[in-house]
C-alpha atoms as a PDB file:
ATOM      1  CA  MET A   1      53.072   2.491  -3.782  1.00  0.00           C
ATOM      2  CA  LYS A   2      49.794   3.139  -5.448  1.00  0.00           C
ATOM      3  CA  GLY A   3      47.270   5.403  -3.814  1.00  0.00           C
ATOM      4  CA  ALA A   4      43.775   4.325  -2.978  1.00  0.00           C
ATOM      5  CA  ALA A   5      41.270   4.303  -5.706  1.00  0.00           C
ATOM      6  CA  VAL A   6      39.009   7.436  -5.691  1.00  0.00           C
ATOM      7  CA  PRO A   7      35.401   6.707  -6.353  1.00  0.00           C
ATOM      8  CA  ALA A   8      34.100   8.291  -9.520  1.00  0.00           C
ATOM      9  CA  PRO A   9      31.957  11.400  -9.118  1.00  0.00           C
ATOM     10  CA  HIS A  10      29.079   9.881 -11.053  1.00  0.00           C
ATOM     11  CA  ALA A  11      28.933   7.105  -8.481  1.00  0.00           C
ATOM     12  CA  ASP A  12      27.991   9.471  -5.702  1.00  0.00           C
ATOM     13  CA  VAL A  13      25.359  11.069  -7.924  1.00  0.00           C
ATOM     14  CA  TRP A  14      23.705   7.651  -8.660  1.00  0.00           C
ATOM     15  CA  GLN A  15      23.806   6.761  -4.894  1.00  0.00           C
ATOM     16  CA  THR A  16      22.082  10.026  -4.099  1.00  0.00           C
ATOM     17  CA  ILE A  17      19.425   9.413  -6.764  1.00  0.00           C
ATOM     18  CA  SER A  18      18.912   5.870  -5.544  1.00  0.00           C
ATOM     19  CA  ASP A  19      18.548   7.013  -1.941  1.00  0.00           C
ATOM     20  CA  TYR A  20      15.878   9.676  -2.882  1.00  0.00           C
ATOM     21  CA  VAL A  21      14.084   6.953  -4.925  1.00  0.00           C
ATOM     22  CA  ALA A  22      14.259   4.695  -1.789  1.00  0.00           C
ATOM     23  CA  LEU A  23      12.440   7.407   0.200  1.00  0.00           C
ATOM     24  CA  THR A  24       9.355   6.976  -1.920  1.00  0.00           C
ATOM     25  CA  LYS A  25       9.220   3.228  -1.227  1.00  0.00           C
ATOM     26  CA  PRO A  26       9.068   2.281  -4.991  1.00  0.00           C
ATOM     27  CA  ARG A  27       7.882  -1.289  -4.362  1.00  0.00           C
ATOM     28  CA  LEU A  28       4.831   0.105  -2.450  1.00  0.00           C
ATOM     29  CA  ASN A  29       4.357   2.707  -5.263  1.00  0.00           C
ATOM     30  CA  VAL A  30       4.121  -0.058  -7.830  1.00  0.00           C
ATOM     31  CA  LEU A  31       0.935  -1.074  -6.022  1.00  0.00           C
ATOM     32  CA  VAL A  32      -0.314   2.569  -6.027  1.00  0.00           C
ATOM     33  CA  VAL A  33       0.312   2.880  -9.750  1.00  0.00           C
ATOM     34  CA  ALA A  34      -1.368  -0.363 -10.566  1.00  0.00           C
ATOM     35  CA  THR A  35      -4.449   0.061  -8.311  1.00  0.00           C
ATOM     36  CA  SER A  36      -5.070   3.779  -9.305  1.00  0.00           C
ATOM     37  CA  ALA A  37      -4.723   2.898 -13.006  1.00  0.00           C
ATOM     38  CA  ALA A  38      -7.017  -0.017 -12.550  1.00  0.00           C
ATOM     39  CA  GLY A  39      -9.521   2.040 -10.656  1.00  0.00           C
ATOM     40  CA  TYR A  40      -9.530   4.705 -13.416  1.00  0.00           C
ATOM     41  CA  TYR A  41     -10.115   2.175 -16.157  1.00  0.00           C
ATOM     42  CA  LEU A  42     -12.908   0.441 -14.296  1.00  0.00           C
ATOM     43  CA  GLY A  43     -14.620   3.698 -13.384  1.00  0.00           C
ATOM     44  CA  ALA A  44     -14.546   5.086 -16.983  1.00  0.00           C
ATOM     45  CA  ASN A  45     -18.008   5.320 -18.547  1.00  0.00           C
ATOM     46  CA  SER A  46     -16.538   6.220 -21.898  1.00  0.00           C
ATOM     47  CA  SER A  47     -13.187   6.097 -23.698  1.00  0.00           C
ATOM     48  CA  VAL A  48     -10.171   6.853 -21.511  1.00  0.00           C
ATOM     49  CA  THR A  49      -8.347  10.087 -22.377  1.00  0.00           C
ATOM     50  CA  ALA A  50      -4.491   9.833 -21.967  1.00  0.00           C
ATOM     51  CA  ALA A  51      -4.086  13.150 -20.389  1.00  0.00           C
ATOM     52  CA  SER A  52      -6.584  12.551 -17.721  1.00  0.00           C
ATOM     53  CA  PHE A  53      -5.491   9.047 -17.082  1.00  0.00           C
ATOM     54  CA  LEU A  54      -1.791   9.956 -16.809  1.00  0.00           C
ATOM     55  CA  SER A  55      -2.447  12.942 -14.572  1.00  0.00           C
ATOM     56  CA  THR A  56      -4.455  10.853 -12.127  1.00  0.00           C
ATOM     57  CA  VAL A  57      -1.965   7.972 -11.934  1.00  0.00           C
ATOM     58  CA  ILE A  58       1.196  10.213 -11.772  1.00  0.00           C
ATOM     59  CA  GLY A  59      -0.495  12.628  -9.321  1.00  0.00           C
ATOM     60  CA  THR A  60      -1.561   9.741  -7.029  1.00  0.00           C
ATOM     61  CA  THR A  61       1.891   8.238  -7.224  1.00  0.00           C
ATOM     62  CA  LEU A  62       3.606  11.542  -6.279  1.00  0.00           C
ATOM     63  CA  VAL A  63       1.309  11.994  -3.318  1.00  0.00           C
ATOM     64  CA  ALA A  64       2.026   8.339  -2.095  1.00  0.00           C
ATOM     65  CA  GLY A  65       5.785   8.794  -2.682  1.00  0.00           C
ATOM     66  CA  GLY A  66       5.849  12.112  -0.734  1.00  0.00           C
ATOM     67  CA  ALA A  67       3.810  10.591   2.072  1.00  0.00           C
ATOM     68  CA  ALA A  68       6.271   7.582   2.217  1.00  0.00           C
ATOM     69  CA  ALA A  69       9.306  10.062   2.470  1.00  0.00           C
ATOM     70  CA  LEU A  70       7.664  12.131   5.187  1.00  0.00           C
ATOM     71  CA  ASN A  71       6.680   8.878   7.070  1.00  0.00           C
ATOM     72  CA  GLN A  72      10.393   7.959   7.023  1.00  0.00           C
ATOM     73  CA  VAL A  73      11.377  11.312   8.424  1.00  0.00           C
ATOM     74  CA  TYR A  74       9.087  10.650  11.375  1.00  0.00           C
ATOM     75  CA  GLU A  75      10.219   7.040  11.912  1.00  0.00           C
ATOM     76  CA  ARG A  76      13.875   7.423  11.287  1.00  0.00           C
ATOM     77  CA  ASP A  77      14.746   6.602  14.949  1.00  0.00           C
ATOM     78  CA  THR A  78      12.644   3.430  15.067  1.00  0.00           C
ATOM     79  CA  ASP A  79      13.927   2.426  11.638  1.00  0.00           C
ATOM     80  CA  ALA A  80      17.436   2.548  12.966  1.00  0.00           C
ATOM     81  CA  LEU A  81      16.519  -0.136  15.520  1.00  0.00           C
ATOM     82  CA  MET A  82      15.054  -2.695  13.078  1.00  0.00           C
ATOM     83  CA  GLN A  83      17.293  -4.998  11.027  1.00  0.00           C
ATOM     84  CA  ARG A  84      15.305  -4.723   7.842  1.00  0.00           C
ATOM     85  CA  THR A  85      15.156  -0.854   7.843  1.00  0.00           C
ATOM     86  CA  ARG A  86      18.347   0.286   9.502  1.00  0.00           C
ATOM     87  CA  MET A  87      20.127   0.798   6.151  1.00  0.00           C
ATOM     88  CA  ARG A  88      17.452   3.111   4.765  1.00  0.00           C
ATOM     89  CA  PRO A  89      18.841   6.561   3.699  1.00  0.00           C
ATOM     90  CA  LEU A  90      17.672   8.481   6.819  1.00  0.00           C
ATOM     91  CA  PRO A  91      18.777   6.155   9.696  1.00  0.00           C
ATOM     92  CA  ASN A  92      21.993   5.348   7.835  1.00  0.00           C
ATOM     93  CA  GLY A  93      22.703   9.165   7.558  1.00  0.00           C
ATOM     94  CA  ARG A  94      22.919   9.382   3.741  1.00  0.00           C
ATOM     95  CA  ILE A  95      20.100  11.939   3.661  1.00  0.00           C
ATOM     96  CA  SER A  96      19.293  14.426   6.291  1.00  0.00           C
ATOM     97  CA  PRO A  97      15.746  14.807   7.809  1.00  0.00           C
ATOM     98  CA  THR A  98      15.484  18.338   6.406  1.00  0.00           C
ATOM     99  CA  GLU A  99      16.434  17.186   2.897  1.00  0.00           C
ATOM    100  CA  ALA A 100      13.903  14.247   3.079  1.00  0.00           C
ATOM    101  CA  GLY A 101      11.140  16.470   4.587  1.00  0.00           C
ATOM    102  CA  VAL A 102      11.552  19.065   1.688  1.00  0.00           C
ATOM    103  CA  PHE A 103      11.583  16.286  -0.861  1.00  0.00           C
ATOM    104  CA  GLY A 104       8.442  14.707   0.576  1.00  0.00           C
ATOM    105  CA  THR A 105       6.599  17.902   0.828  1.00  0.00           C
ATOM    106  CA  MET A 106       7.470  18.897  -2.790  1.00  0.00           C
ATOM    107  CA  LEU A 107       6.291  15.507  -4.133  1.00  0.00           C
ATOM    108  CA  SER A 108       3.003  15.618  -2.140  1.00  0.00           C
ATOM    109  CA  LEU A 109       2.192  19.170  -3.245  1.00  0.00           C
ATOM    110  CA  ALA A 110       3.109  18.508  -6.901  1.00  0.00           C
ATOM    111  CA  GLY A 111       0.824  15.420  -6.859  1.00  0.00           C
ATOM    112  CA  LEU A 112      -2.144  17.335  -5.329  1.00  0.00           C
ATOM    113  CA  VAL A 113      -1.821  20.213  -7.779  1.00  0.00           C
ATOM    114  CA  LEU A 114      -1.502  17.774 -10.708  1.00  0.00           C
ATOM    115  CA  LEU A 115      -4.702  16.046  -9.605  1.00  0.00           C
ATOM    116  CA  ALA A 116      -6.637  19.294  -8.906  1.00  0.00           C
ATOM    117  CA  VAL A 117      -5.746  20.983 -12.070  1.00  0.00           C
ATOM    118  CA  PHE A 118      -5.662  18.059 -14.662  1.00  0.00           C
ATOM    119  CA  SER A 119      -7.834  15.416 -13.060  1.00  0.00           C
ATOM    120  CA  THR A 120     -10.791  16.245 -10.706  1.00  0.00           C
ATOM    121  CA  TRP A 121     -11.284  18.022  -7.438  1.00  0.00           C
ATOM    122  CA  LEU A 122     -12.740  14.879  -5.924  1.00  0.00           C
ATOM    123  CA  ALA A 123      -9.640  12.790  -6.825  1.00  0.00           C
ATOM    124  CA  ALA A 124      -7.452  15.569  -5.318  1.00  0.00           C
ATOM    125  CA  ALA A 125      -9.595  15.614  -2.166  1.00  0.00           C
ATOM    126  CA  LEU A 126      -9.277  11.820  -1.808  1.00  0.00           C
ATOM    127  CA  ALA A 127      -5.545  12.021  -2.339  1.00  0.00           C
ATOM    128  CA  LEU A 128      -5.291  14.773   0.402  1.00  0.00           C
ATOM    129  CA  ALA A 129      -7.254  12.439   2.739  1.00  0.00           C
ATOM    130  CA  THR A 130      -4.716   9.765   1.838  1.00  0.00           C
ATOM    131  CA  LEU A 131      -1.849  11.944   2.907  1.00  0.00           C
ATOM    132  CA  VAL A 132      -3.611  13.222   6.110  1.00  0.00           C
ATOM    133  CA  THR A 133      -4.681   9.834   7.414  1.00  0.00           C
ATOM    134  CA  TYR A 134      -1.352   8.192   6.636  1.00  0.00           C
ATOM    135  CA  LEU A 135       0.866  10.949   8.184  1.00  0.00           C
ATOM    136  CA  PHE A 136      -1.231  12.339  10.991  1.00  0.00           C
ATOM    137  CA  VAL A 137      -3.336   9.399  12.079  1.00  0.00           C
ATOM    138  CA  TYR A 138      -1.604   6.090  11.143  1.00  0.00           C
ATOM    139  CA  THR A 139       1.915   7.086  11.646  1.00  0.00           C
ATOM    140  CA  PRO A 140       1.733   8.318  15.209  1.00  0.00           C
ATOM    141  CA  LEU A 141      -0.737   5.583  16.174  1.00  0.00           C
ATOM    142  CA  LYS A 142       1.643   2.958  14.996  1.00  0.00           C
ATOM    143  CA  ARG A 143       3.804   3.595  18.159  1.00  0.00           C
ATOM    144  CA  ARG A 144       0.742   3.429  20.460  1.00  0.00           C
ATOM    145  CA  SER A 145      -1.663   0.753  19.417  1.00  0.00           C
ATOM    146  CA  PRO A 146      -2.054  -2.406  17.330  1.00  0.00           C
ATOM    147  CA  ALA A 147      -5.176  -0.738  15.783  1.00  0.00           C
ATOM    148  CA  ALA A 148      -2.756   1.239  13.600  1.00  0.00           C
ATOM    149  CA  THR A 149      -2.680  -1.692  11.205  1.00  0.00           C
ATOM    150  CA  VAL A 150      -6.387  -1.357  10.475  1.00  0.00           C
ATOM    151  CA  VAL A 151      -6.166   2.397  10.362  1.00  0.00           C
ATOM    152  CA  GLY A 152      -3.339   2.301   7.945  1.00  0.00           C
ATOM    153  CA  ALA A 153      -5.333   0.090   5.678  1.00  0.00           C
ATOM    154  CA  VAL A 154      -7.550   3.165   4.900  1.00  0.00           C
ATOM    155  CA  PRO A 155      -4.962   5.283   3.003  1.00  0.00           C
ATOM    156  CA  GLY A 156      -3.560   2.068   1.565  1.00  0.00           C
ATOM    157  CA  ALA A 157      -6.944   1.366  -0.137  1.00  0.00           C
ATOM    158  CA  LEU A 158      -7.624   4.854  -1.328  1.00  0.00           C
ATOM    159  CA  PRO A 159      -5.566   4.824  -4.540  1.00  0.00           C
ATOM    160  CA  PRO A 160      -8.069   2.717  -6.586  1.00  0.00           C
ATOM    161  CA  LEU A 161     -10.855   4.967  -5.345  1.00  0.00           C
ATOM    162  CA  ILE A 162      -8.843   7.936  -6.481  1.00  0.00           C
ATOM    163  CA  GLY A 163      -8.597   6.513  -9.955  1.00  0.00           C
ATOM    164  CA  TRP A 164     -12.235   5.533  -9.997  1.00  0.00           C
ATOM    165  CA  ALA A 165     -13.422   8.977  -8.836  1.00  0.00           C
ATOM    166  CA  ALA A 166     -11.278  10.741 -11.446  1.00  0.00           C
ATOM    167  CA  ALA A 167     -12.880   8.708 -14.307  1.00  0.00           C
ATOM    168  CA  HIS A 168     -16.377   8.205 -12.980  1.00  0.00           C
ATOM    169  CA  GLY A 169     -16.947  11.648 -11.523  1.00  0.00           C
ATOM    170  CA  GLY A 170     -18.219  10.263  -8.267  1.00  0.00           C
ATOM    171  CA  ILE A 171     -17.743   7.210  -5.938  1.00  0.00           C
ATOM    172  CA  ALA A 172     -20.740   4.826  -6.444  1.00  0.00           C
ATOM    173  CA  VAL A 173     -20.973   1.174  -5.373  1.00  0.00           C
ATOM    174  CA  GLY A 174     -18.281   0.096  -7.826  1.00  0.00           C
ATOM    175  CA  GLY A 175     -15.728   2.469  -6.398  1.00  0.00           C
ATOM    176  CA  LEU A 176     -16.551   1.470  -2.751  1.00  0.00           C
ATOM    177  CA  ALA A 177     -16.177  -2.143  -3.752  1.00  0.00           C
ATOM    178  CA  LEU A 178     -12.725  -1.464  -5.079  1.00  0.00           C
ATOM    179  CA  PHE A 179     -11.704   0.407  -1.963  1.00  0.00           C
ATOM    180  CA  LEU A 180     -13.032  -2.412   0.317  1.00  0.00           C
ATOM    181  CA  ILE A 181     -11.310  -5.198  -1.633  1.00  0.00           C
ATOM    182  CA  VAL A 182      -7.838  -3.556  -1.083  1.00  0.00           C
ATOM    183  CA  PHE A 183      -8.742  -2.556   2.531  1.00  0.00           C
ATOM    184  CA  LEU A 184      -9.664  -6.050   3.549  1.00  0.00           C
ATOM    185  CA  TRP A 185      -6.843  -7.650   1.579  1.00  0.00           C
ATOM    186  CA  GLN A 186      -4.307  -5.588   3.503  1.00  0.00           C
ATOM    187  CA  ILE A 187      -4.907  -7.181   6.937  1.00  0.00           C
ATOM    188  CA  PRO A 188      -4.003 -10.836   6.169  1.00  0.00           C
ATOM    189  CA  HIS A 189      -1.083  -9.417   4.237  1.00  0.00           C
ATOM    190  CA  PHE A 190       0.175  -7.225   7.128  1.00  0.00           C
ATOM    191  CA  MET A 191      -0.537  -9.890   9.853  1.00  0.00           C
ATOM    192  CA  ALA A 192       1.736 -12.257   7.948  1.00  0.00           C
ATOM    193  CA  ILE A 193       4.413  -9.633   7.712  1.00  0.00           C
ATOM    194  CA  ALA A 194       4.097  -8.634  11.354  1.00  0.00           C
ATOM    195  CA  TRP A 195       4.381 -12.233  12.344  1.00  0.00           C
ATOM    196  CA  MET A 196       7.518 -12.808  10.347  1.00  0.00           C
ATOM    197  CA  TYR A 197       9.207  -9.687  11.595  1.00  0.00           C
ATOM    198  CA  ARG A 198       7.736  -9.642  15.156  1.00  0.00           C
ATOM    199  CA  ASP A 199      11.279  -9.522  16.775  1.00  0.00           C
ATOM    200  CA  ASP A 200      12.110  -6.426  14.612  1.00  0.00           C
ATOM    201  CA  TYR A 201       8.879  -4.651  15.526  1.00  0.00           C
ATOM    202  CA  GLY A 202       9.437  -5.563  19.191  1.00  0.00           C
ATOM    203  CA  ALA A 203      12.909  -4.187  19.231  1.00  0.00           C
ATOM    204  CA  ALA A 204      11.576  -0.885  17.827  1.00  0.00           C
ATOM    205  CA  GLY A 205       8.853  -0.745  20.331  1.00  0.00           C
ATOM    206  CA  PHE A 206       5.960  -0.967  17.847  1.00  0.00           C
ATOM    207  CA  PRO A 207       2.912  -2.770  19.537  1.00  0.00           C
ATOM    208  CA  MET A 208       2.049  -4.976  16.693  1.00  0.00           C
ATOM    209  CA  LEU A 209      -0.331  -7.807  17.599  1.00  0.00           C
ATOM    210  CA  PRO A 210       2.389 -10.529  17.331  1.00  0.00           C
ATOM    211  CA  VAL A 211       4.415  -8.373  19.706  1.00  0.00           C
ATOM    212  CA  ILE A 212       1.790  -7.771  22.438  1.00  0.00           C
ATOM    213  CA  ASP A 213       0.302 -11.352  21.859  1.00  0.00           C
ATOM    214  CA  PRO A 214       3.368 -13.479  21.260  1.00  0.00           C
ATOM    215  CA  GLU A 215       1.390 -16.596  20.825  1.00  0.00           C
ATOM    216  CA  GLY A 216      -0.154 -15.026  17.738  1.00  0.00           C
ATOM    217  CA  ARG A 217      -3.829 -15.904  18.370  1.00  0.00           C
ATOM    218  CA  ARG A 218      -5.185 -12.365  17.853  1.00  0.00           C
ATOM    219  CA  ALA A 219      -3.155 -11.936  14.663  1.00  0.00           C
ATOM    220  CA  GLY A 220      -4.452 -15.254  13.375  1.00  0.00           C
ATOM    221  CA  ARG A 221      -8.031 -14.334  14.155  1.00  0.00           C
ATOM    222  CA  GLN A 222      -7.663 -10.972  12.322  1.00  0.00           C
ATOM    223  CA  ALA A 223      -6.199 -12.633   9.271  1.00  0.00           C
ATOM    224  CA  VAL A 224      -8.989 -15.108   9.216  1.00  0.00           C
ATOM    225  CA  GLY A 225     -11.753 -12.493   9.921  1.00  0.00           C
ATOM    226  CA  TYR A 226     -10.693 -10.136   7.278  1.00  0.00           C
ATOM    227  CA  ALA A 227     -10.006 -12.863   4.696  1.00  0.00           C
ATOM    228  CA  ALA A 228     -13.504 -14.100   5.316  1.00  0.00           C
ATOM    229  CA  ALA A 229     -14.975 -10.648   4.788  1.00  0.00           C
ATOM    230  CA  LEU A 230     -12.935 -10.213   1.595  1.00  0.00           C
ATOM    231  CA  LEU A 231     -14.455 -13.358  -0.023  1.00  0.00           C
ATOM    232  CA  PRO A 232     -17.996 -12.015  -0.439  1.00  0.00           C
ATOM    233  CA  THR A 233     -16.824  -8.407  -1.004  1.00  0.00           C
ATOM    234  CA  SER A 234     -14.696  -9.451  -3.919  1.00  0.00           C
ATOM    235  CA  LEU A 235     -17.875 -10.672  -5.621  1.00  0.00           C
ATOM    236  CA  VAL A 236     -19.555  -7.265  -5.541  1.00  0.00           C
ATOM    237  CA  PRO A 237     -18.004  -6.198  -8.964  1.00  0.00           C
ATOM    238  CA  THR A 238     -19.893  -9.086 -10.581  1.00  0.00           C
ATOM    239  CA  LEU A 239     -23.158  -8.484  -8.610  1.00  0.00           C
ATOM    240  CA  VAL A 240     -23.245  -4.732  -9.720  1.00  0.00           C
ATOM    241  CA  SER A 241     -22.230  -5.700 -13.333  1.00  0.00           C
ATOM    242  CA  LEU A 242     -18.874  -4.039 -13.188  1.00  0.00           C
ATOM    243  CA  SER A 243     -17.364  -7.280 -14.212  1.00  0.00           C
ATOM    244  CA  GLY A 244     -18.664 -10.516 -15.521  1.00  0.00           C
ATOM    245  CA  VAL A 245     -19.240 -14.139 -14.298  1.00  0.00           C
ATOM    246  CA  VAL A 246     -15.617 -15.075 -15.204  1.00  0.00           C
ATOM    247  CA  TYR A 247     -14.233 -12.567 -12.794  1.00  0.00           C
ATOM    248  CA  GLY A 248     -16.722 -13.778 -10.157  1.00  0.00           C
ATOM    249  CA  VAL A 249     -15.575 -17.411 -10.409  1.00  0.00           C
ATOM    250  CA  VAL A 250     -11.915 -16.397 -10.264  1.00  0.00           C
ATOM    251  CA  ALA A 251     -12.478 -14.028  -7.385  1.00  0.00           C
ATOM    252  CA  ALA A 252     -14.297 -16.797  -5.362  1.00  0.00           C
ATOM    253  CA  ALA A 253     -11.488 -19.292  -6.071  1.00  0.00           C
ATOM    254  CA  LEU A 254      -8.754 -16.856  -4.978  1.00  0.00           C
ATOM    255  CA  GLY A 255     -10.754 -15.654  -1.927  1.00  0.00           C
ATOM    256  CA  ILE A 256     -11.248 -19.340  -0.782  1.00  0.00           C
ATOM    257  CA  ALA A 257      -7.534 -20.059  -1.293  1.00  0.00           C
ATOM    258  CA  LEU A 258      -6.553 -16.929   0.757  1.00  0.00           C
ATOM    259  CA  LEU A 259      -9.026 -17.912   3.565  1.00  0.00           C
ATOM    260  CA  VAL A 260      -7.649 -21.493   3.694  1.00  0.00           C
ATOM    261  CA  LEU A 261      -4.102 -20.090   4.029  1.00  0.00           C
ATOM    262  CA  SER A 262      -5.227 -17.637   6.715  1.00  0.00           C
ATOM    263  CA  VAL A 263      -6.934 -20.481   8.690  1.00  0.00           C
ATOM    264  CA  ARG A 264      -3.628 -22.507   8.457  1.00  0.00           C
ATOM    265  CA  PHE A 265      -1.657 -19.481   9.619  1.00  0.00           C
ATOM    266  CA  ALA A 266      -4.071 -18.972  12.564  1.00  0.00           C
ATOM    267  CA  GLY A 267      -3.926 -22.645  13.475  1.00  0.00           C
ATOM    268  CA  THR A 268      -0.110 -23.208  13.357  1.00  0.00           C
ATOM    269  CA  ARG A 269       1.246 -19.722  13.798  1.00  0.00           C
ATOM    270  CA  THR A 270       4.531 -20.597  12.215  1.00  0.00           C
ATOM    271  CA  ASN A 271       6.945 -18.584  10.060  1.00  0.00           C
ATOM    272  CA  ALA A 272       6.380 -20.995   7.221  1.00  0.00           C
ATOM    273  CA  ALA A 273       2.559 -20.599   7.344  1.00  0.00           C
ATOM    274  CA  ALA A 274       2.925 -16.732   7.590  1.00  0.00           C
ATOM    275  CA  ARG A 275       5.383 -16.789   4.550  1.00  0.00           C
ATOM    276  CA  GLN A 276       2.820 -18.825   2.520  1.00  0.00           C
ATOM    277  CA  LEU A 277       0.048 -16.430   3.418  1.00  0.00           C
ATOM    278  CA  PHE A 278       2.265 -13.512   2.595  1.00  0.00           C
ATOM    279  CA  PHE A 279       3.202 -14.783  -0.911  1.00  0.00           C
ATOM    280  CA  ALA A 280      -0.501 -15.678  -1.489  1.00  0.00           C
ATOM    281  CA  THR A 281      -1.505 -12.137  -0.828  1.00  0.00           C
ATOM    282  CA  LEU A 282       1.144 -10.925  -3.281  1.00  0.00           C
ATOM    283  CA  VAL A 283      -0.384 -13.196  -6.030  1.00  0.00           C
ATOM    284  CA  TYR A 284      -4.109 -12.495  -5.095  1.00  0.00           C
ATOM    285  CA  LEU A 285      -4.201  -8.817  -5.683  1.00  0.00           C
ATOM    286  CA  PRO A 286      -2.607  -8.534  -9.124  1.00  0.00           C
ATOM    287  CA  LEU A 287      -4.539 -11.550 -10.361  1.00  0.00           C
ATOM    288  CA  ILE A 288      -7.931 -10.217  -9.114  1.00  0.00           C
ATOM    289  CA  TRP A 289      -7.202  -6.802 -10.855  1.00  0.00           C
ATOM    290  CA  ILE A 290      -6.156  -8.380 -14.193  1.00  0.00           C
ATOM    291  CA  VAL A 291      -9.243 -10.622 -14.255  1.00  0.00           C
ATOM    292  CA  MET A 292     -11.585  -7.768 -13.241  1.00  0.00           C
ATOM    293  CA  ILE A 293     -10.179  -5.550 -16.033  1.00  0.00           C
ATOM    294  CA  ALA A 294     -10.244  -8.258 -18.659  1.00  0.00           C
ATOM    295  CA  ASP A 295     -13.843  -9.102 -17.745  1.00  0.00           C
ATOM    296  CA  LYS A 296     -15.111  -5.536 -17.443  1.00  0.00           C
ATOM    297  CA  ARG A 297     -18.711  -5.078 -18.632  1.00  0.00           C
END
C-alpha cells in the first residue's frame, strides 16, 4: 500500500509568499501604482528622472501595501465573518497577526524612508497622512458609521497627489484636481460594491449604507451626487491647461455615462444595475488617466 503523497517543500514556500503578497491587496495596489505614476508625470515641469520617479512610485506602493496589511490585522475577526474575505491569510490562520503586523510595519516604514530620502519631504508627509487616515480614522470608523466610506476615500485619493507633489514640488490646482477626481470617483464605485455585498457587510456588522437602509435610497443618492460632482471636476485639468480639449471631451463623455449609470442604479437598486455601475467605474478611471496623460500640455 502506497503512502500518502507528501507536498513538496517549495509548494509551502510559494504559498507563504502568495499569502504575504495577498496581505498587500495587490489589486488595490495596481491602482496606487498607476495613479501615483500618472500624478508624477502630470506634475513634472521638466523631464522625468528615473530615480525620482521610481522612488516615488515604489515608496507610495510600499506604504499602501503596509497599510493594507495592518488594516487586515485589525479586521481579521470581521473578515472571518464575510464570505468574500474569510479565506484571507489572517482569518484562515495561515499567517499570524504578529507576523502580519511586523510585515505591514516594515513595508510602511520602508516606503516612508524611501520617499523622504529619494523623493521629497512633501511626498513623504502626504504618504504618512495616507497611512494615518487609513489606519486610525477610516478603519475604526468603518465599524461605527456609514460615513467611513467618504472618509476612506481621502487616503484612497492621495496617491496621485503624492506623485504630483514629488514631481511638482508643491500641490497647486492641478494636483488638487487629480485628488478630487479620484476622491469623487470612489463613492459611486463603493456604493455599487456595498450594494452587491450588503449581506456580507451586514453579517460582519459593518453599518454600510445598504445595510442600515436596505431599500438602497441613500446609497443611490450618494452615487448620483458624487457622480454629478465628478463630471465638472474632471474638466478642471482642461480648464487649467494641464490637459487639452481632447481630454475635456473624453472626460465629459465618460462623466455623463457614469452619471447615467448612477441614476439607473439609484432608480432600480438592483444587483444588475449595481454591477453595471461597478464595471463602469473600473473602465472610467484608467481611461481618464490614459487620455489625460496622452493630451498633457
